[in-house]
Amino acid sequence: MPTIEDLKPLTIDLLLFLAISIVFVVDLVLPHGRKRGVGVLAALSIAATVVASFWIDVGGSAFSNAYETTAWTMLFKRIALLAGAIGIFGAIDHVERYFPNRQGEFYVLLLCSLLGTTLISGAKDL
């Protein structure tokens, strides 16, 4: 039976999933005129995940060696996360102007695609 220790290589991905969940819930709670903070929250949560990736030991493999976290995996995850944070910070004004009622959806979808990118970097068997 799998234990919590078996999920250690997926810690960064689980933190990103937690960020997606928080952004989703905050988007549901905020009124329509105050959605700009959702983008800032998404970018800051990605930045916090990048910072956490330097202090959390996530080496090892999971799911019967189908997923492995190595130094190369962490490098690609950090690059993807930084690119995602920069992309969100750059898109905040654009999204607020052109998608005023769909801002939360944009950020949740962007974070989900970012989660897919970070998961692919550690996959040993596609």
C-alpha atoms as a PDB file:
ATOM      1  CA  MET A   1       0.000   0.000   0.000  1.00  0.00           C
ATOM      2  CA  PRO A   2       1.445   3.424  -0.958  1.00  0.00           C
ATOM      3  CA  THR A   3       2.454   5.801   1.795  1.00  0.00           C
ATOM      4  CA  ILE A   4       2.942   9.551   1.972  1.00  0.00           C
ATOM      5  CA  GLU A   5       6.669   8.958   1.497  1.00  0.00           C
ATOM      6  CA  ASP A   6       5.912   7.499  -1.951  1.00  0.00           C
ATOM      7  CA  LEU A   7       4.486  10.863  -3.033  1.00  0.00           C
ATOM      8  CA  LYS A   8       7.636  12.803  -2.055  1.00  0.00           C
ATOM      9  CA  PRO A   9       8.849  13.149  -5.681  1.00  0.00           C
ATOM     10  CA  LEU A  10       5.518  14.798  -6.532  1.00  0.00           C
ATOM     11  CA  THR A  11       5.699  17.453  -3.807  1.00  0.00           C
ATOM     12  CA  ILE A  12       6.220  20.389  -6.186  1.00  0.00           C
ATOM     13  CA  ASP A  13       3.381  19.180  -8.407  1.00  0.00           C
ATOM     14  CA  LEU A  14       1.121  18.769  -5.394  1.00  0.00           C
ATOM     15  CA  LEU A  15       1.973  22.309  -4.267  1.00  0.00           C
ATOM     16  CA  LEU A  16       1.020  23.533  -7.727  1.00  0.00           C
ATOM     17  CA  PHE A  17      -2.248  21.578  -7.520  1.00  0.00           C
ATOM     18  CA  LEU A  18      -2.913  23.242  -4.164  1.00  0.00           C
ATOM     19  CA  ALA A  19      -2.302  26.630  -5.815  1.00  0.00           C
ATOM     20  CA  ILE A  20      -4.774  25.731  -8.582  1.00  0.00           C
ATOM     21  CA  SER A  21      -7.378  24.812  -5.977  1.00  0.00           C
ATOM     22  CA  ILE A  22      -6.851  28.035  -4.038  1.00  0.00           C
ATOM     23  CA  VAL A  23      -7.047  30.194  -7.171  1.00  0.00           C
ATOM     24  CA  PHE A  24     -10.230  28.379  -8.207  1.00  0.00           C
ATOM     25  CA  VAL A  25     -11.914  28.911  -4.836  1.00  0.00           C
ATOM     26  CA  VAL A  26     -10.827  32.564  -4.613  1.00  0.00           C
ATOM     27  CA  ASP A  27     -12.224  33.147  -8.098  1.00  0.00           C
ATOM     28  CA  LEU A  28     -15.564  31.705  -7.003  1.00  0.00           C
ATOM     29  CA  VAL A  29     -15.692  33.874  -3.875  1.00  0.00           C
ATOM     30  CA  LEU A  30     -14.605  37.248  -5.275  1.00  0.00           C
ATOM     31  CA  PRO A  31     -17.190  39.505  -6.923  1.00  0.00           C
ATOM     32  CA  HIS A  32     -16.823  40.222 -10.646  1.00  0.00           C
ATOM     33  CA  GLY A  33     -15.257  43.658 -10.320  1.00  0.00           C
ATOM     34  CA  ARG A  34     -12.358  42.523  -8.124  1.00  0.00           C
ATOM     35  CA  LYS A  35     -10.763  39.698 -10.106  1.00  0.00           C
ATOM     36  CA  ARG A  36      -7.360  41.324 -10.711  1.00  0.00           C
ATOM     37  CA  GLY A  37      -6.138  39.851  -7.454  1.00  0.00           C
ATOM     38  CA  VAL A  38      -6.693  36.345  -8.798  1.00  0.00           C
ATOM     39  CA  GLY A  39      -3.860  36.829 -11.291  1.00  0.00           C
ATOM     40  CA  VAL A  40      -1.558  38.228  -8.653  1.00  0.00           C
ATOM     41  CA  LEU A  41      -2.433  35.311  -6.368  1.00  0.00           C
ATOM     42  CA  ALA A  42      -1.691  32.824  -9.155  1.00  0.00           C
ATOM     43  CA  ALA A  43       1.685  34.386  -9.934  1.00  0.00           C
ATOM     44  CA  LEU A  44       2.675  34.653  -6.273  1.00  0.00           C
ATOM     45  CA  SER A  45       1.684  31.056  -5.611  1.00  0.00           C
ATOM     46  CA  ILE A  46       3.894  29.932  -8.500  1.00  0.00           C
ATOM     47  CA  ALA A  47       6.745  32.064  -7.158  1.00  0.00           C
ATOM     48  CA  ALA A  48       6.265  30.514  -3.712  1.00  0.00           C
ATOM     49  CA  THR A  49       6.383  27.053  -5.280  1.00  0.00           C
ATOM     50  CA  VAL A  50       9.666  27.908  -7.009  1.00  0.00           C
ATOM     51  CA  VAL A  51      11.151  29.146  -3.738  1.00  0.00           C
ATOM     52  CA  ALA A  52       9.911  26.030  -1.924  1.00  0.00           C
ATOM     53  CA  SER A  53      11.528  23.822  -4.560  1.00  0.00           C
ATOM     54  CA  PHE A  54      14.964  24.890  -3.330  1.00  0.00           C
ATOM     55  CA  TRP A  55      14.309  23.770   0.263  1.00  0.00           C
ATOM     56  CA  ILE A  56      12.217  20.635  -0.161  1.00  0.00           C
ATOM     57  CA  ASP A  57      14.002  17.348  -0.832  1.00  0.00           C
ATOM     58  CA  VAL A  58      11.965  15.736  -3.585  1.00  0.00           C
ATOM     59  CA  GLY A  59      14.431  13.201  -4.989  1.00  0.00           C
ATOM     60  CA  GLY A  60      13.305   9.676  -5.743  1.00  0.00           C
ATOM     61  CA  SER A  61      10.752   7.848  -7.798  1.00  0.00           C
ATOM     62  CA  ALA A  62       7.040   7.207  -7.540  1.00  0.00           C
ATOM     63  CA  PHE A  63       4.426   4.948  -9.099  1.00  0.00           C
ATOM     64  CA  SER A  64       6.696   1.925  -9.604  1.00  0.00           C
ATOM     65  CA  ASN A  65       9.461   4.059 -11.162  1.00  0.00           C
ATOM     66  CA  ALA A  66       7.122   5.594 -13.745  1.00  0.00           C
ATOM     67  CA  TYR A  67       7.881   9.047 -12.311  1.00  0.00           C
ATOM     68  CA  GLU A  68      11.312  10.144 -11.163  1.00  0.00           C
ATOM     69  CA  THR A  69      12.581  13.419  -9.758  1.00  0.00           C
ATOM     70  CA  THR A  70      16.225  14.183 -10.481  1.00  0.00           C
ATOM     71  CA  ALA A  71      18.288  17.356 -10.680  1.00  0.00           C
ATOM     72  CA  TRP A  72      17.361  17.700 -14.367  1.00  0.00           C
ATOM     73  CA  THR A  73      13.697  17.277 -13.565  1.00  0.00           C
ATOM     74  CA  MET A  74      13.892  20.055 -10.970  1.00  0.00           C
ATOM     75  CA  LEU A  75      15.721  22.317 -13.416  1.00  0.00           C
ATOM     76  CA  PHE A  76      12.981  21.925 -16.026  1.00  0.00           C
ATOM     77  CA  LYS A  77      10.258  22.346 -13.409  1.00  0.00           C
ATOM     78  CA  ARG A  78      11.824  25.573 -12.152  1.00  0.00           C
ATOM     79  CA  ILE A  79      12.212  26.928 -15.678  1.00  0.00           C
ATOM     80  CA  ALA A  80       8.567  26.116 -16.465  1.00  0.00           C
ATOM     81  CA  LEU A  81       7.350  27.625 -13.189  1.00  0.00           C
ATOM     82  CA  LEU A  82       9.345  30.813 -13.659  1.00  0.00           C
ATOM     83  CA  ALA A  83       8.079  31.141 -17.218  1.00  0.00           C
ATOM     84  CA  GLY A  84       4.532  30.632 -15.960  1.00  0.00           C
ATOM     85  CA  ALA A  85       4.915  33.293 -13.267  1.00  0.00           C
ATOM     86  CA  ILE A  86       6.368  35.776 -15.756  1.00  0.00           C
ATOM     87  CA  GLY A  87       3.585  34.949 -18.221  1.00  0.00           C
ATOM     88  CA  ILE A  88       0.892  35.531 -15.624  1.00  0.00           C
ATOM     89  CA  PHE A  89       2.399  38.813 -14.458  1.00  0.00           C
ATOM     90  CA  GLY A  90       2.604  39.926 -18.091  1.00  0.00           C
ATOM     91  CA  ALA A  91      -0.985  38.911 -18.836  1.00  0.00           C
ATOM     92  CA  ILE A  92      -2.758  40.515 -15.876  1.00  0.00           C
ATOM     93  CA  ASP A  93      -3.598  43.799 -17.641  1.00  0.00           C
ATOM     94  CA  HIS A  94      -4.508  42.095 -20.913  1.00  0.00           C
ATOM     95  CA  VAL A  95      -6.810  39.593 -19.229  1.00  0.00           C
ATOM     96  CA  GLU A  96      -8.435  42.289 -17.123  1.00  0.00           C
ATOM     97  CA  ARG A  97      -9.124  44.398 -20.216  1.00  0.00           C
ATOM     98  CA  TYR A  98     -10.319  41.731 -22.667  1.00  0.00           C
ATOM     99  CA  PHE A  99     -11.762  39.015 -20.398  1.00  0.00           C
ATOM    100  CA  PRO A 100     -13.208  40.872 -17.399  1.00  0.00           C
ATOM    101  CA  ASN A 101     -15.629  38.098 -16.459  1.00  0.00           C
ATOM    102  CA  ARG A 102     -13.327  35.181 -17.299  1.00  0.00           C
ATOM    103  CA  GLN A 103     -10.125  36.079 -15.477  1.00  0.00           C
ATOM    104  CA  GLY A 104     -10.266  33.225 -12.996  1.00  0.00           C
ATOM    105  CA  GLU A 105     -10.847  30.678 -15.732  1.00  0.00           C
ATOM    106  CA  PHE A 106      -7.822  31.964 -17.631  1.00  0.00           C
ATOM    107  CA  TYR A 107      -5.530  31.602 -14.625  1.00  0.00           C
ATOM    108  CA  VAL A 108      -6.859  28.201 -13.610  1.00  0.00           C
ATOM    109  CA  LEU A 109      -6.399  26.874 -17.152  1.00  0.00           C
ATOM    110  CA  LEU A 110      -2.906  28.352 -17.356  1.00  0.00           C
ATOM    111  CA  LEU A 111      -1.986  26.772 -14.015  1.00  0.00           C
ATOM    112  CA  CYS A 112      -3.398  23.418 -15.132  1.00  0.00           C
ATOM    113  CA  SER A 113      -1.286  23.474 -18.281  1.00  0.00           C
ATOM    114  CA  LEU A 114       1.703  24.412 -16.145  1.00  0.00           C
ATOM    115  CA  LEU A 115       0.982  21.428 -13.902  1.00  0.00           C
ATOM    116  CA  GLY A 116       0.982  19.194 -16.963  1.00  0.00           C
ATOM    117  CA  THR A 117       4.332  20.632 -18.001  1.00  0.00           C
ATOM    118  CA  THR A 118       5.882  19.964 -14.606  1.00  0.00           C
ATOM    119  CA  LEU A 119       4.506  16.437 -14.520  1.00  0.00           C
ATOM    120  CA  ILE A 120       5.862  15.601 -17.970  1.00  0.00           C
ATOM    121  CA  SER A 121       9.375  16.618 -16.944  1.00  0.00           C
ATOM    122  CA  GLY A 122       9.590  13.727 -14.492  1.00  0.00           C
ATOM    123  CA  ALA A 123       7.768  11.063 -16.472  1.00  0.00           C
ATOM    124  CA  LYS A 124       9.928   8.095 -17.394  1.00  0.00           C
ATOM    125  CA  ASP A 125       7.267   6.348 -19.427  1.00  0.00           C
ATOM    126  CA  LEU A 126       4.995   8.438 -21.604  1.00  0.00           C
END
